[in-house]
Amino acid sequence: SGSYLTGIQVKKTMVDIKAGVSCDQIVAKHLGEQTRFP
């Protein structure tokens, strides 16, 4: 689930989590202020 939209091997940890920016959020940032909710 951690890699599903990020394509990243997530860090095995319970504290200092690390994944990657997910593809949906890359699109959301690109659309910016075109909608009320990115």
All heavy atoms as atom14 arrays in JSON, in Angstrom:
{
  "sequence": "SGSYLTGIQVKKTMVDIKAGVSCDQIVAKHLGEQTRFP",
  "atom14_mask": [
    [1, 1, 1, 1, 1, 1, 0, 0, 0, 0, 0, 0, 0, 0],
    [1, 1, 1, 1, 0, 0, 0, 0, 0, 0, 0, 0, 0, 0],
    [1, 1, 1, 1, 1, 1, 0, 0, 0, 0, 0, 0, 0, 0],
    [1, 1, 1, 1, 1, 1, 1, 1, 1, 1, 1, 1, 0, 0],
    [1, 1, 1, 1, 1, 1, 1, 1, 0, 0, 0, 0, 0, 0],
    [1, 1, 1, 1, 1, 1, 1, 0, 0, 0, 0, 0, 0, 0],
    [1, 1, 1, 1, 0, 0, 0, 0, 0, 0, 0, 0, 0, 0],
    [1, 1, 1, 1, 1, 1, 1, 1, 0, 0, 0, 0, 0, 0],
    [1, 1, 1, 1, 1, 1, 1, 1, 1, 0, 0, 0, 0, 0],
    [1, 1, 1, 1, 1, 1, 1, 0, 0, 0, 0, 0, 0, 0],
    [1, 1, 1, 1, 1, 1, 1, 1, 1, 0, 0, 0, 0, 0],
    [1, 1, 1, 1, 1, 1, 1, 1, 1, 0, 0, 0, 0, 0],
    [1, 1, 1, 1, 1, 1, 1, 0, 0, 0, 0, 0, 0, 0],
    [1, 1, 1, 1, 1, 1, 1, 1, 0, 0, 0, 0, 0, 0],
    [1, 1, 1, 1, 1, 1, 1, 0, 0, 0, 0, 0, 0, 0],
    [1, 1, 1, 1, 1, 1, 1, 1, 0, 0, 0, 0, 0, 0],
    [1, 1, 1, 1, 1, 1, 1, 1, 0, 0, 0, 0, 0, 0],
    [1, 1, 1, 1, 1, 1, 1, 1, 1, 0, 0, 0, 0, 0],
    [1, 1, 1, 1, 1, 0, 0, 0, 0, 0, 0, 0, 0, 0],
    [1, 1, 1, 1, 0, 0, 0, 0, 0, 0, 0, 0, 0, 0],
    [1, 1, 1, 1, 1, 1, 1, 0, 0, 0, 0, 0, 0, 0],
    [1, 1, 1, 1, 1, 1, 0, 0, 0, 0, 0, 0, 0, 0],
    [1, 1, 1, 1, 1, 1, 0, 0, 0, 0, 0, 0, 0, 0],
    [1, 1, 1, 1, 1, 1, 1, 1, 0, 0, 0, 0, 0, 0],
    [1, 1, 1, 1, 1, 1, 1, 1, 1, 0, 0, 0, 0, 0],
    [1, 1, 1, 1, 1, 1, 1, 1, 0, 0, 0, 0, 0, 0],
    [1, 1, 1, 1, 1, 1, 1, 0, 0, 0, 0, 0, 0, 0],
    [1, 1, 1, 1, 1, 0, 0, 0, 0, 0, 0, 0, 0, 0],
    [1, 1, 1, 1, 1, 1, 1, 1, 1, 0, 0, 0, 0, 0],
    [1, 1, 1, 1, 1, 1, 1, 1, 1, 1, 0, 0, 0, 0],
    [1, 1, 1, 1, 1, 1, 1, 1, 0, 0, 0, 0, 0, 0],
    [1, 1, 1, 1, 0, 0, 0, 0, 0, 0, 0, 0, 0, 0],
    [1, 1, 1, 1, 1, 1, 1, 1, 1, 0, 0, 0, 0, 0],
    [1, 1, 1, 1, 1, 1, 1, 1, 1, 0, 0, 0, 0, 0],
    [1, 1, 1, 1, 1, 1, 1, 0, 0, 0, 0, 0, 0, 0],
    [1, 1, 1, 1, 1, 1, 1, 1, 1, 1, 1, 0, 0, 0],
    [1, 1, 1, 1, 1, 1, 1, 1, 1, 1, 1, 0, 0, 0],
    [1, 1, 1, 1, 1, 1, 1, 0, 0, 0, 0, 0, 0, 0]
  ],
  "atom14_positions": [
    [[0.83, -1.21, 0.0], [0.0, 0.0, 0.0], [0.86, 1.26, 0.0], [0.52, 2.26, -0.63], [-0.95, 0.0, 1.2], [-0.24, -0.18, 2.42], [0.0, 0.0, 0.0], [0.0, 0.0, 0.0], [0.0, 0.0, 0.0], [0.0, 0.0, 0.0], [0.0, 0.0, 0.0], [0.0, 0.0, 0.0], [0.0, 0.0, 0.0], [0.0, 0.0, 0.0]],
    [[2.02, 1.2, 0.69], [2.91, 2.36, 0.71], [3.49, 2.68, -0.66], [3.77, 3.84, -0.97], [0.0, 0.0, 0.0], [0.0, 0.0, 0.0], [0.0, 0.0, 0.0], [0.0, 0.0, 0.0], [0.0, 0.0, 0.0], [0.0, 0.0, 0.0], [0.0, 0.0, 0.0], [0.0, 0.0, 0.0], [0.0, 0.0, 0.0], [0.0, 0.0, 0.0]],
    [[3.7, 1.64, -1.47], [4.29, 1.85, -2.79], [3.25, 2.03, -3.89], [3.61, 2.39, -5.02], [5.19, 0.66, -3.15], [4.42, -0.52, -3.34], [0.0, 0.0, 0.0], [0.0, 0.0, 0.0], [0.0, 0.0, 0.0], [0.0, 0.0, 0.0], [0.0, 0.0, 0.0], [0.0, 0.0, 0.0], [0.0, 0.0, 0.0], [0.0, 0.0, 0.0]],
    [[1.98, 1.8, -3.6], [0.97, 1.69, -4.65], [0.92, 2.93, -5.55], [0.88, 2.81, -6.78], [-0.41, 1.43, -4.03], [-1.45, 1.04, -5.05], [-1.38, -0.18, -5.71], [-2.5, 1.89, -5.38], [-2.33, -0.56, -6.66], [-3.45, 1.54, -6.33], [-3.36, 0.32, -6.96], [-4.3, -0.04, -7.9], [0.0, 0.0, 0.0], [0.0, 0.0, 0.0]],
    [[0.91, 4.11, -4.98], [0.85, 5.34, -5.78], [2.16, 6.1, -5.77], [2.27, 7.15, -6.42], [-0.28, 6.24, -5.28], [-1.71, 5.69, -5.41], [-2.72, 6.73, -4.95], [-2.0, 5.25, -6.83], [0.0, 0.0, 0.0], [0.0, 0.0, 0.0], [0.0, 0.0, 0.0], [0.0, 0.0, 0.0], [0.0, 0.0, 0.0], [0.0, 0.0, 0.0]],
    [[3.15, 5.61, -5.01], [4.44, 6.31, -4.94], [5.5, 5.65, -5.8], [6.44, 6.32, -6.24], [4.95, 6.36, -3.5], [5.23, 5.03, -3.05], [3.92, 7.01, -2.56], [0.0, 0.0, 0.0], [0.0, 0.0, 0.0], [0.0, 0.0, 0.0], [0.0, 0.0, 0.0], [0.0, 0.0, 0.0], [0.0, 0.0, 0.0], [0.0, 0.0, 0.0]],
    [[5.4, 4.32, -6.0], [6.42, 3.6, -6.74], [7.74, 3.52, -6.0], [8.78, 3.26, -6.59], [0.0, 0.0, 0.0], [0.0, 0.0, 0.0], [0.0, 0.0, 0.0], [0.0, 0.0, 0.0], [0.0, 0.0, 0.0], [0.0, 0.0, 0.0], [0.0, 0.0, 0.0], [0.0, 0.0, 0.0], [0.0, 0.0, 0.0], [0.0, 0.0, 0.0]],
    [[7.69, 3.73, -4.67], [8.9, 3.8, -3.85], [8.93, 2.62, -2.87], [7.89, 2.22, -2.34], [8.92, 5.12, -3.05], [9.02, 6.31, -4.0], [10.07, 5.15, -2.05], [10.3, 6.39, -4.8], [0.0, 0.0, 0.0], [0.0, 0.0, 0.0], [0.0, 0.0, 0.0], [0.0, 0.0, 0.0], [0.0, 0.0, 0.0], [0.0, 0.0, 0.0]],
    [[10.1, 2.08, -2.61], [10.25, 1.11, -1.54], [10.25, 1.89, -0.22], [11.19, 2.63, 0.07], [11.54, 0.31, -1.66], [11.7, -0.74, -0.57], [13.01, -1.49, -0.66], [13.89, -1.13, -1.43], [13.15, -2.54, 0.13], [0.0, 0.0, 0.0], [0.0, 0.0, 0.0], [0.0, 0.0, 0.0], [0.0, 0.0, 0.0], [0.0, 0.0, 0.0]],
    [[9.17, 1.74, 0.55], [9.04, 2.52, 1.77], [10.02, 2.03, 2.82], [10.43, 0.86, 2.84], [7.59, 2.47, 2.31], [6.63, 3.06, 1.29], [7.18, 1.05, 2.69], [0.0, 0.0, 0.0], [0.0, 0.0, 0.0], [0.0, 0.0, 0.0], [0.0, 0.0, 0.0], [0.0, 0.0, 0.0], [0.0, 0.0, 0.0], [0.0, 0.0, 0.0]],
    [[10.39, 2.92, 3.72], [11.33, 2.6, 4.78], [10.65, 1.75, 5.85], [9.57, 2.09, 6.32], [11.86, 3.89, 5.4], [12.9, 3.66, 6.5], [13.41, 4.98, 7.05], [14.45, 4.78, 8.14], [14.93, 6.07, 8.67], [0.0, 0.0, 0.0], [0.0, 0.0, 0.0], [0.0, 0.0, 0.0], [0.0, 0.0, 0.0], [0.0, 0.0, 0.0]],
    [[11.29, 0.65, 6.21], [10.73, -0.22, 7.25], [11.0, 0.4, 8.61], [12.12, 0.34, 9.14], [11.34, -1.62, 7.17], [10.63, -2.63, 8.08], [11.06, -4.05, 7.79], [10.2, -5.04, 8.57], [10.53, -6.45, 8.24], [0.0, 0.0, 0.0], [0.0, 0.0, 0.0], [0.0, 0.0, 0.0], [0.0, 0.0, 0.0], [0.0, 0.0, 0.0]],
    [[9.96, 0.99, 9.16], [10.08, 1.71, 10.41], [8.71, 1.95, 11.0], [7.7, 1.91, 10.29], [10.79, 3.07, 10.21], [10.89, 3.75, 11.46], [9.99, 3.95, 9.25], [0.0, 0.0, 0.0], [0.0, 0.0, 0.0], [0.0, 0.0, 0.0], [0.0, 0.0, 0.0], [0.0, 0.0, 0.0], [0.0, 0.0, 0.0], [0.0, 0.0, 0.0]],
    [[8.67, 2.22, 12.29], [7.43, 2.63, 12.94], [7.49, 4.07, 13.41], [6.53, 4.6, 13.97], [7.12, 1.71, 14.13], [6.78, 0.3, 13.76], [6.33, -0.7, 15.2], [7.93, -0.86, 16.0], [0.0, 0.0, 0.0], [0.0, 0.0, 0.0], [0.0, 0.0, 0.0], [0.0, 0.0, 0.0], [0.0, 0.0, 0.0], [0.0, 0.0, 0.0]],
    [[8.64, 4.72, 13.19], [8.84, 6.07, 13.73], [9.13, 7.07, 12.63], [8.31, 7.93, 12.3], [9.97, 6.07, 14.78], [10.13, 7.47, 15.38], [9.7, 5.05, 15.88], [0.0, 0.0, 0.0], [0.0, 0.0, 0.0], [0.0, 0.0, 0.0], [0.0, 0.0, 0.0], [0.0, 0.0, 0.0], [0.0, 0.0, 0.0], [0.0, 0.0, 0.0]],
    [[10.32, 6.98, 12.03], [10.73, 7.96, 11.02], [10.32, 7.49, 9.64], [11.14, 7.05, 8.83], [12.23, 8.23, 11.1], [13.05, 6.94, 11.06], [12.51, 5.88, 11.43], [14.23, 6.99, 10.65], [0.0, 0.0, 0.0], [0.0, 0.0, 0.0], [0.0, 0.0, 0.0], [0.0, 0.0, 0.0], [0.0, 0.0, 0.0], [0.0, 0.0, 0.0]],
    [[9.04, 7.57, 9.36], [8.48, 7.05, 8.12], [9.05, 7.78, 6.9], [9.39, 8.95, 6.96], [6.94, 7.15, 8.12], [6.49, 8.61, 8.28], [6.33, 6.27, 9.19], [4.99, 8.81, 8.14], [0.0, 0.0, 0.0], [0.0, 0.0, 0.0], [0.0, 0.0, 0.0], [0.0, 0.0, 0.0], [0.0, 0.0, 0.0], [0.0, 0.0, 0.0]],
    [[9.13, 7.04, 5.78], [9.61, 7.65, 4.55], [9.08, 6.86, 3.36], [9.31, 5.67, 3.25], [11.14, 7.67, 4.52], [11.7, 8.39, 3.29], [13.22, 8.46, 3.33], [13.78, 9.19, 2.12], [15.26, 9.23, 2.13], [0.0, 0.0, 0.0], [0.0, 0.0, 0.0], [0.0, 0.0, 0.0], [0.0, 0.0, 0.0], [0.0, 0.0, 0.0]],
    [[8.35, 7.54, 2.5], [7.84, 6.96, 1.26], [8.26, 7.88, 0.12], [9.45, 8.13, -0.08], [6.33, 6.76, 1.33], [0.0, 0.0, 0.0], [0.0, 0.0, 0.0], [0.0, 0.0, 0.0], [0.0, 0.0, 0.0], [0.0, 0.0, 0.0], [0.0, 0.0, 0.0], [0.0, 0.0, 0.0], [0.0, 0.0, 0.0], [0.0, 0.0, 0.0]],
    [[7.31, 8.39, -0.62], [7.6, 9.33, -1.69], [6.33, 10.08, -2.04], [5.23, 9.72, -1.58], [0.0, 0.0, 0.0], [0.0, 0.0, 0.0], [0.0, 0.0, 0.0], [0.0, 0.0, 0.0], [0.0, 0.0, 0.0], [0.0, 0.0, 0.0], [0.0, 0.0, 0.0], [0.0, 0.0, 0.0], [0.0, 0.0, 0.0], [0.0, 0.0, 0.0]],
    [[6.43, 11.13, -2.83], [5.24, 11.87, -3.26], [4.44, 10.97, -4.19], [4.96, 10.43, -5.16], [5.63, 13.18, -3.96], [4.37, 13.95, -4.38], [6.5, 14.04, -3.05], [0.0, 0.0, 0.0], [0.0, 0.0, 0.0], [0.0, 0.0, 0.0], [0.0, 0.0, 0.0], [0.0, 0.0, 0.0], [0.0, 0.0, 0.0], [0.0, 0.0, 0.0]],
    [[3.17, 10.79, -3.89], [2.31, 9.91, -4.7], [1.86, 10.63, -5.96], [1.79, 11.86, -6.02], [1.11, 9.43, -3.88], [0.42, 10.52, -3.29], [0.0, 0.0, 0.0], [0.0, 0.0, 0.0], [0.0, 0.0, 0.0], [0.0, 0.0, 0.0], [0.0, 0.0, 0.0], [0.0, 0.0, 0.0], [0.0, 0.0, 0.0], [0.0, 0.0, 0.0]],
    [[1.55, 9.85, -7.0], [1.21, 10.43, -8.3], [-0.03, 11.32, -8.22], [-0.13, 12.32, -8.93], [1.05, 9.34, -9.34], [-0.28, 8.16, -9.04], [0.0, 0.0, 0.0], [0.0, 0.0, 0.0], [0.0, 0.0, 0.0], [0.0, 0.0, 0.0], [0.0, 0.0, 0.0], [0.0, 0.0, 0.0], [0.0, 0.0, 0.0], [0.0, 0.0, 0.0]],
    [[-1.0, 10.95, -7.36], [-2.2, 11.79, -7.22], [-1.83, 13.17, -6.71], [-2.42, 14.18, -7.14], [-3.21, 11.13, -6.28], [-2.65, 10.96, -4.89], [-1.68, 10.19, -4.72], [-3.17, 11.6, -3.95], [0.0, 0.0, 0.0], [0.0, 0.0, 0.0], [0.0, 0.0, 0.0], [0.0, 0.0, 0.0], [0.0, 0.0, 0.0], [0.0, 0.0, 0.0]],
    [[-0.85, 13.24, -5.81], [-0.47, 14.54, -5.24], [0.37, 15.36, -6.21], [0.36, 16.59, -6.16], [0.27, 14.33, -3.92], [-0.63, 13.87, -2.8], [-1.83, 14.79, -2.61], [-1.67, 15.97, -2.31], [-3.04, 14.24, -2.79], [0.0, 0.0, 0.0], [0.0, 0.0, 0.0], [0.0, 0.0, 0.0], [0.0, 0.0, 0.0], [0.0, 0.0, 0.0]],
    [[1.09, 14.7, -7.09], [1.8, 15.43, -8.15], [0.78, 16.12, -9.05], [0.93, 17.29, -9.41], [2.69, 14.47, -8.95], [3.82, 13.94, -8.06], [3.26, 15.16, -10.19], [4.67, 12.86, -8.71], [0.0, 0.0, 0.0], [0.0, 0.0, 0.0], [0.0, 0.0, 0.0], [0.0, 0.0, 0.0], [0.0, 0.0, 0.0], [0.0, 0.0, 0.0]],
    [[-0.29, 15.39, -9.38], [-1.36, 15.99, -10.19], [-2.07, 17.1, -9.41], [-2.35, 18.17, -9.96], [-2.37, 14.91, -10.62], [-3.57, 15.54, -11.31], [-1.71, 13.9, -11.55], [0.0, 0.0, 0.0], [0.0, 0.0, 0.0], [0.0, 0.0, 0.0], [0.0, 0.0, 0.0], [0.0, 0.0, 0.0], [0.0, 0.0, 0.0], [0.0, 0.0, 0.0]],
    [[-2.36, 16.85, -8.13], [-3.05, 17.85, -7.31], [-2.25, 19.15, -7.24], [-2.8, 20.25, -7.31], [-3.3, 17.29, -5.91], [0.0, 0.0, 0.0], [0.0, 0.0, 0.0], [0.0, 0.0, 0.0], [0.0, 0.0, 0.0], [0.0, 0.0, 0.0], [0.0, 0.0, 0.0], [0.0, 0.0, 0.0], [0.0, 0.0, 0.0], [0.0, 0.0, 0.0]],
    [[-0.93, 19.02, -7.1], [-0.09, 20.23, -7.05], [-0.11, 20.96, -8.38], [-0.13, 22.19, -8.44], [1.34, 19.84, -6.67], [2.27, 21.04, -6.51], [3.65, 20.61, -6.07], [4.57, 21.83, -5.91], [5.93, 21.44, -5.47], [0.0, 0.0, 0.0], [0.0, 0.0, 0.0], [0.0, 0.0, 0.0], [0.0, 0.0, 0.0], [0.0, 0.0, 0.0]],
    [[-0.11, 20.2, -9.47], [-0.13, 20.82, -10.8], [-1.42, 21.6, -11.04], [-1.41, 22.69, -11.6], [0.02, 19.74, -11.86], [-0.19, 20.23, -13.26], [0.74, 20.97, -13.94], [-1.27, 20.08, -14.1], [0.26, 21.27, -15.15], [-0.94, 20.74, -15.27], [0.0, 0.0, 0.0], [0.0, 0.0, 0.0], [0.0, 0.0, 0.0], [0.0, 0.0, 0.0]],
    [[-2.55, 21.03, -10.6], [-3.82, 21.7, -10.81], [-3.97, 22.93, -9.93], [-4.74, 23.84, -10.23], [-4.98, 20.73, -10.54], [-5.08, 19.56, -11.52], [-6.18, 18.59, -11.11], [-5.34, 20.06, -12.94], [0.0, 0.0, 0.0], [0.0, 0.0, 0.0], [0.0, 0.0, 0.0], [0.0, 0.0, 0.0], [0.0, 0.0, 0.0], [0.0, 0.0, 0.0]],
    [[-3.22, 22.92, -8.81], [-3.15, 24.09, -7.96], [-4.48, 24.64, -7.52], [-5.28, 23.95, -6.89], [0.0, 0.0, 0.0], [0.0, 0.0, 0.0], [0.0, 0.0, 0.0], [0.0, 0.0, 0.0], [0.0, 0.0, 0.0], [0.0, 0.0, 0.0], [0.0, 0.0, 0.0], [0.0, 0.0, 0.0], [0.0, 0.0, 0.0], [0.0, 0.0, 0.0]],
    [[-4.73, 25.85, -7.89], [-5.92, 26.56, -7.41], [-7.1, 26.48, -8.37], [-8.04, 27.27, -8.27], [-5.57, 28.02, -7.13], [-4.5, 28.18, -6.04], [-4.17, 29.63, -5.78], [-4.69, 30.5, -6.52], [-3.38, 29.9, -4.85], [0.0, 0.0, 0.0], [0.0, 0.0, 0.0], [0.0, 0.0, 0.0], [0.0, 0.0, 0.0], [0.0, 0.0, 0.0]],
    [[-7.06, 25.55, -9.29], [-8.17, 25.45, -10.24], [-9.44, 24.92, -9.58], [-10.54, 25.09, -10.11], [-7.78, 24.54, -11.41], [-6.68, 25.12, -12.28], [-6.39, 24.25, -13.49], [-7.31, 23.74, -14.14], [-5.12, 24.07, -13.81], [0.0, 0.0, 0.0], [0.0, 0.0, 0.0], [0.0, 0.0, 0.0], [0.0, 0.0, 0.0], [0.0, 0.0, 0.0]],
    [[-9.29, 24.24, -8.44], [-10.44, 23.72, -7.71], [-10.34, 24.11, -6.25], [-9.27, 24.48, -5.75], [-10.53, 22.19, -7.82], [-9.31, 21.62, -7.33], [-10.74, 21.73, -9.25], [0.0, 0.0, 0.0], [0.0, 0.0, 0.0], [0.0, 0.0, 0.0], [0.0, 0.0, 0.0], [0.0, 0.0, 0.0], [0.0, 0.0, 0.0], [0.0, 0.0, 0.0]],
    [[-11.46, 24.02, -5.55], [-11.48, 24.39, -4.12], [-10.56, 23.48, -3.32], [-9.86, 23.92, -2.4], [-12.91, 24.32, -3.59], [-13.05, 24.75, -2.14], [-14.5, 24.72, -1.7], [-14.63, 25.0, -0.28], [-15.75, 24.86, 0.42], [-16.86, 24.46, -0.2], [-15.79, 25.14, 1.7], [0.0, 0.0, 0.0], [0.0, 0.0, 0.0], [0.0, 0.0, 0.0]],
    [[-10.58, 22.19, -3.63], [-9.72, 21.22, -2.95], [-8.76, 20.62, -3.98], [-9.22, 20.02, -4.96], [-10.54, 20.1, -2.32], [-11.62, 20.59, -1.38], [-12.95, 20.55, -1.75], [-11.3, 21.1, -0.13], [-13.95, 20.99, -0.91], [-12.28, 21.56, 0.72], [-13.61, 21.52, 0.34], [0.0, 0.0, 0.0], [0.0, 0.0, 0.0], [0.0, 0.0, 0.0]],
    [[-7.46, 20.74, -3.77], [-6.53, 20.1, -4.71], [-6.77, 18.6, -4.84], [-6.63, 18.03, -5.93], [-5.15, 20.38, -4.08], [-5.36, 21.62, -3.27], [-6.76, 21.51, -2.73], [0.0, 0.0, 0.0], [0.0, 0.0, 0.0], [0.0, 0.0, 0.0], [0.0, 0.0, 0.0], [0.0, 0.0, 0.0], [0.0, 0.0, 0.0], [0.0, 0.0, 0.0]]
  ]
}
